[in-house]
Amino acid sequence: MNDFPRTLKFATVWLLIGAALFLGVQWWQSQERRTRFSVQSGVVELQRGADGHYHWPGRIDGEAVDFLVDTGATGSAMPLALARRLGLPEVGQIRTQTAGGEVMGTLVLADVTLDGGVRVQRLRVAALPGLGDRPLLGMDVLGRLHWQQRQGVLRIELDGR
């Protein structure tokens, strides 16, 4: 029974250390997300993320999403589950080639807004099963913008839209 207060002290110290570590990691991740995206004087800059990809925050029909910028994709795509949850209008079926092979999906219409002021209304987006949890921003949107990639930074000039 004498060891109980000492054990309680050790447990409390370890819990406090764990909580501080958890909060520190959360703060660091928040800072990392903030510094990956910036808008200044009509120019959006995306820093390459730790996963090696560029991420552009935005919205699909008002719902906040984190787009994965895919310069190798002809069109934009989104998870089928997200399209159904948002109730996006379906306009047909689509067969598309992905990195994982050929996939059947549903073609939907979506209003896309990207942070920094880029808007595309009624964009035809492939809603694909098994896509994961992030929508892909393809060349159907990126091709309308003036952009360049250099040293881990994707720079998009919005004035030339």
Protein backbone atom coordinates (compact mmCIF):
# COMPACT_ATOMS: atom_id res chain seq x y z
CA MET A 1 0.00 0.00 0.00
CA ASN A 2 2.98 2.34 0.53
CA ASP A 3 3.89 2.11 -3.17
CA PHE A 4 0.51 3.36 -4.34
CA PRO A 5 1.24 7.10 -4.02
CA ARG A 6 4.63 6.62 -5.73
CA THR A 7 3.05 4.58 -8.54
CA LEU A 8 0.35 7.19 -8.90
CA LYS A 9 3.01 9.90 -9.19
CA PHE A 10 4.86 7.99 -11.93
CA ALA A 11 1.62 7.34 -13.81
CA THR A 12 0.68 11.01 -13.57
CA VAL A 13 4.08 12.13 -14.86
CA TRP A 14 3.90 9.71 -17.81
CA LEU A 15 0.34 10.80 -18.60
CA LEU A 16 1.42 14.44 -18.59
CA ILE A 17 4.40 13.67 -20.83
CA GLY A 18 2.12 11.73 -23.20
CA ALA A 19 -0.44 14.54 -23.28
CA ALA A 20 2.27 17.15 -23.96
CA LEU A 21 3.71 15.00 -26.75
CA PHE A 22 0.26 14.50 -28.29
CA LEU A 23 -0.51 18.23 -28.18
CA GLY A 24 2.90 19.05 -29.62
CA VAL A 25 2.39 16.70 -32.57
CA GLN A 26 -1.10 18.14 -33.19
CA TRP A 27 0.31 21.68 -33.18
CA TRP A 28 3.14 20.69 -35.53
CA GLN A 29 0.70 19.04 -37.97
CA SER A 30 -1.50 22.13 -37.89
CA GLN A 31 1.50 24.37 -38.67
CA GLU A 32 2.57 22.02 -41.46
CA ARG A 33 -0.87 22.22 -43.10
CA ARG A 34 -0.91 26.01 -42.85
CA THR A 35 2.51 26.48 -44.43
CA ARG A 36 1.84 24.10 -47.33
CA PHE A 37 -0.64 26.54 -48.86
CA SER A 38 -0.35 30.29 -49.32
CA VAL A 39 -2.02 33.00 -51.41
CA GLN A 40 -0.33 36.30 -52.05
CA SER A 41 -0.90 38.92 -54.76
CA GLY A 42 -2.88 36.62 -57.04
CA VAL A 43 -0.45 33.72 -56.71
CA VAL A 44 -1.17 30.43 -54.97
CA GLU A 45 1.83 28.44 -53.79
CA LEU A 46 1.54 24.82 -52.76
CA GLN A 47 4.48 23.26 -50.94
CA ARG A 48 5.00 19.55 -51.60
CA GLY A 49 3.71 17.62 -48.60
CA ALA A 50 5.55 15.00 -46.60
CA ASP A 51 3.80 12.37 -48.75
CA GLY A 52 5.47 13.82 -51.88
CA HIS A 53 2.23 15.29 -53.27
CA TYR A 54 0.71 18.72 -53.56
CA HIS A 55 -2.52 19.32 -51.67
CA TRP A 56 -4.94 22.15 -52.43
CA PRO A 57 -7.67 22.84 -49.88
CA GLY A 58 -11.10 23.59 -51.26
CA ARG A 59 -14.75 22.61 -51.35
CA ILE A 60 -17.00 20.35 -53.36
CA ASP A 61 -20.59 21.61 -53.27
CA GLY A 62 -19.78 23.43 -50.04
CA GLU A 63 -18.06 20.55 -48.22
CA ALA A 64 -14.44 21.14 -47.22
CA VAL A 65 -12.00 18.73 -48.87
CA ASP A 66 -8.26 18.43 -49.40
CA PHE A 67 -7.62 17.91 -53.12
CA LEU A 68 -4.62 15.86 -54.20
CA VAL A 69 -3.16 17.70 -57.21
CA ASP A 70 -2.63 15.16 -59.99
CA THR A 71 -0.97 16.68 -63.06
CA GLY A 72 -0.95 13.24 -64.67
CA ALA A 73 -4.73 12.87 -64.53
CA THR A 74 -6.79 14.03 -67.50
CA GLY A 75 -9.87 14.64 -65.37
CA SER A 76 -10.73 15.21 -61.74
CA ALA A 77 -12.02 12.35 -59.62
CA MET A 78 -13.56 11.84 -56.23
CA PRO A 79 -14.53 8.93 -54.01
CA LEU A 80 -17.92 7.50 -54.99
CA ALA A 81 -18.99 7.51 -51.33
CA LEU A 82 -18.39 11.28 -51.12
CA ALA A 83 -20.38 11.95 -54.31
CA ARG A 84 -23.31 9.94 -52.97
CA ARG A 85 -23.15 11.57 -49.53
CA LEU A 86 -23.28 15.01 -51.20
CA GLY A 87 -26.12 13.91 -53.47
CA LEU A 88 -24.33 15.07 -56.61
CA PRO A 89 -26.33 14.67 -59.84
CA GLU A 90 -25.26 11.62 -61.84
CA VAL A 91 -24.94 12.12 -65.60
CA GLY A 92 -23.70 8.72 -66.70
CA GLN A 93 -21.21 5.94 -66.26
CA ILE A 94 -17.51 6.16 -67.01
CA ARG A 95 -14.74 3.65 -67.61
CA THR A 96 -11.37 5.15 -66.72
CA GLN A 97 -7.76 4.10 -66.47
CA THR A 98 -6.15 4.65 -63.06
CA ALA A 99 -2.77 3.76 -61.62
CA GLY A 100 -4.44 0.59 -60.30
CA GLY A 101 -5.94 -0.38 -63.67
CA GLU A 102 -9.26 0.11 -65.40
CA VAL A 103 -12.18 1.13 -63.17
CA MET A 104 -15.90 1.68 -63.72
CA GLY A 105 -17.37 4.74 -62.05
CA THR A 106 -20.14 7.27 -62.16
CA LEU A 107 -19.88 10.66 -63.83
CA VAL A 108 -21.25 13.43 -61.59
CA LEU A 109 -21.57 17.21 -61.75
CA ALA A 110 -19.97 19.19 -58.93
CA ASP A 111 -19.27 22.79 -58.05
CA VAL A 112 -15.60 23.01 -57.10
CA THR A 113 -14.07 25.92 -55.20
CA LEU A 114 -10.35 26.00 -54.48
CA ASP A 115 -8.86 28.19 -51.76
CA GLY A 116 -7.42 31.27 -53.41
CA GLY A 117 -10.51 31.96 -55.49
CA VAL A 118 -10.60 29.34 -58.26
CA ARG A 119 -14.18 28.22 -59.01
CA VAL A 120 -15.48 25.71 -61.52
CA GLN A 121 -19.22 25.15 -61.67
CA ARG A 122 -20.85 21.96 -62.90
CA LEU A 123 -17.51 20.23 -63.39
CA ARG A 124 -17.82 16.68 -64.71
CA VAL A 125 -16.05 14.55 -62.11
CA ALA A 126 -15.47 10.78 -62.13
CA ALA A 127 -16.84 9.33 -58.88
CA LEU A 128 -14.84 6.15 -58.36
CA PRO A 129 -15.18 3.32 -55.85
CA GLY A 130 -12.02 2.55 -53.91
CA LEU A 131 -10.40 5.91 -54.64
CA GLY A 132 -9.58 6.49 -51.01
CA ASP A 133 -10.60 9.53 -49.03
CA ARG A 134 -9.26 12.38 -51.20
CA PRO A 135 -10.54 13.84 -54.40
CA LEU A 136 -8.03 14.27 -57.22
CA LEU A 137 -7.67 17.58 -59.03
CA GLY A 138 -6.83 16.81 -62.65
CA MET A 139 -5.87 18.69 -65.79
CA ASP A 140 -9.51 19.52 -66.57
CA VAL A 141 -9.08 22.21 -63.89
CA LEU A 142 -5.30 22.68 -63.81
CA GLY A 143 -5.18 23.13 -67.59
CA ARG A 144 -7.24 26.32 -67.22
CA LEU A 145 -4.58 27.85 -64.97
CA HIS A 146 -1.06 29.10 -65.52
CA TRP A 147 1.24 27.11 -63.25
CA GLN A 148 4.80 25.90 -62.86
CA GLN A 149 6.51 23.43 -60.59
CA ARG A 150 9.98 24.01 -59.22
CA GLN A 151 11.94 22.75 -56.21
CA GLY A 152 8.97 21.33 -54.34
CA VAL A 153 6.68 24.31 -54.94
CA LEU A 154 3.71 24.38 -57.29
CA ARG A 155 3.07 28.03 -58.17
CA ILE A 156 -0.29 28.97 -59.73
CA GLU A 157 -0.89 32.45 -61.11
CA LEU A 158 -4.56 33.27 -60.72
CA ASP A 159 -4.58 36.53 -62.68
CA GLY A 160 -4.21 34.71 -66.01
CA ARG A 161 -7.34 32.56 -65.56
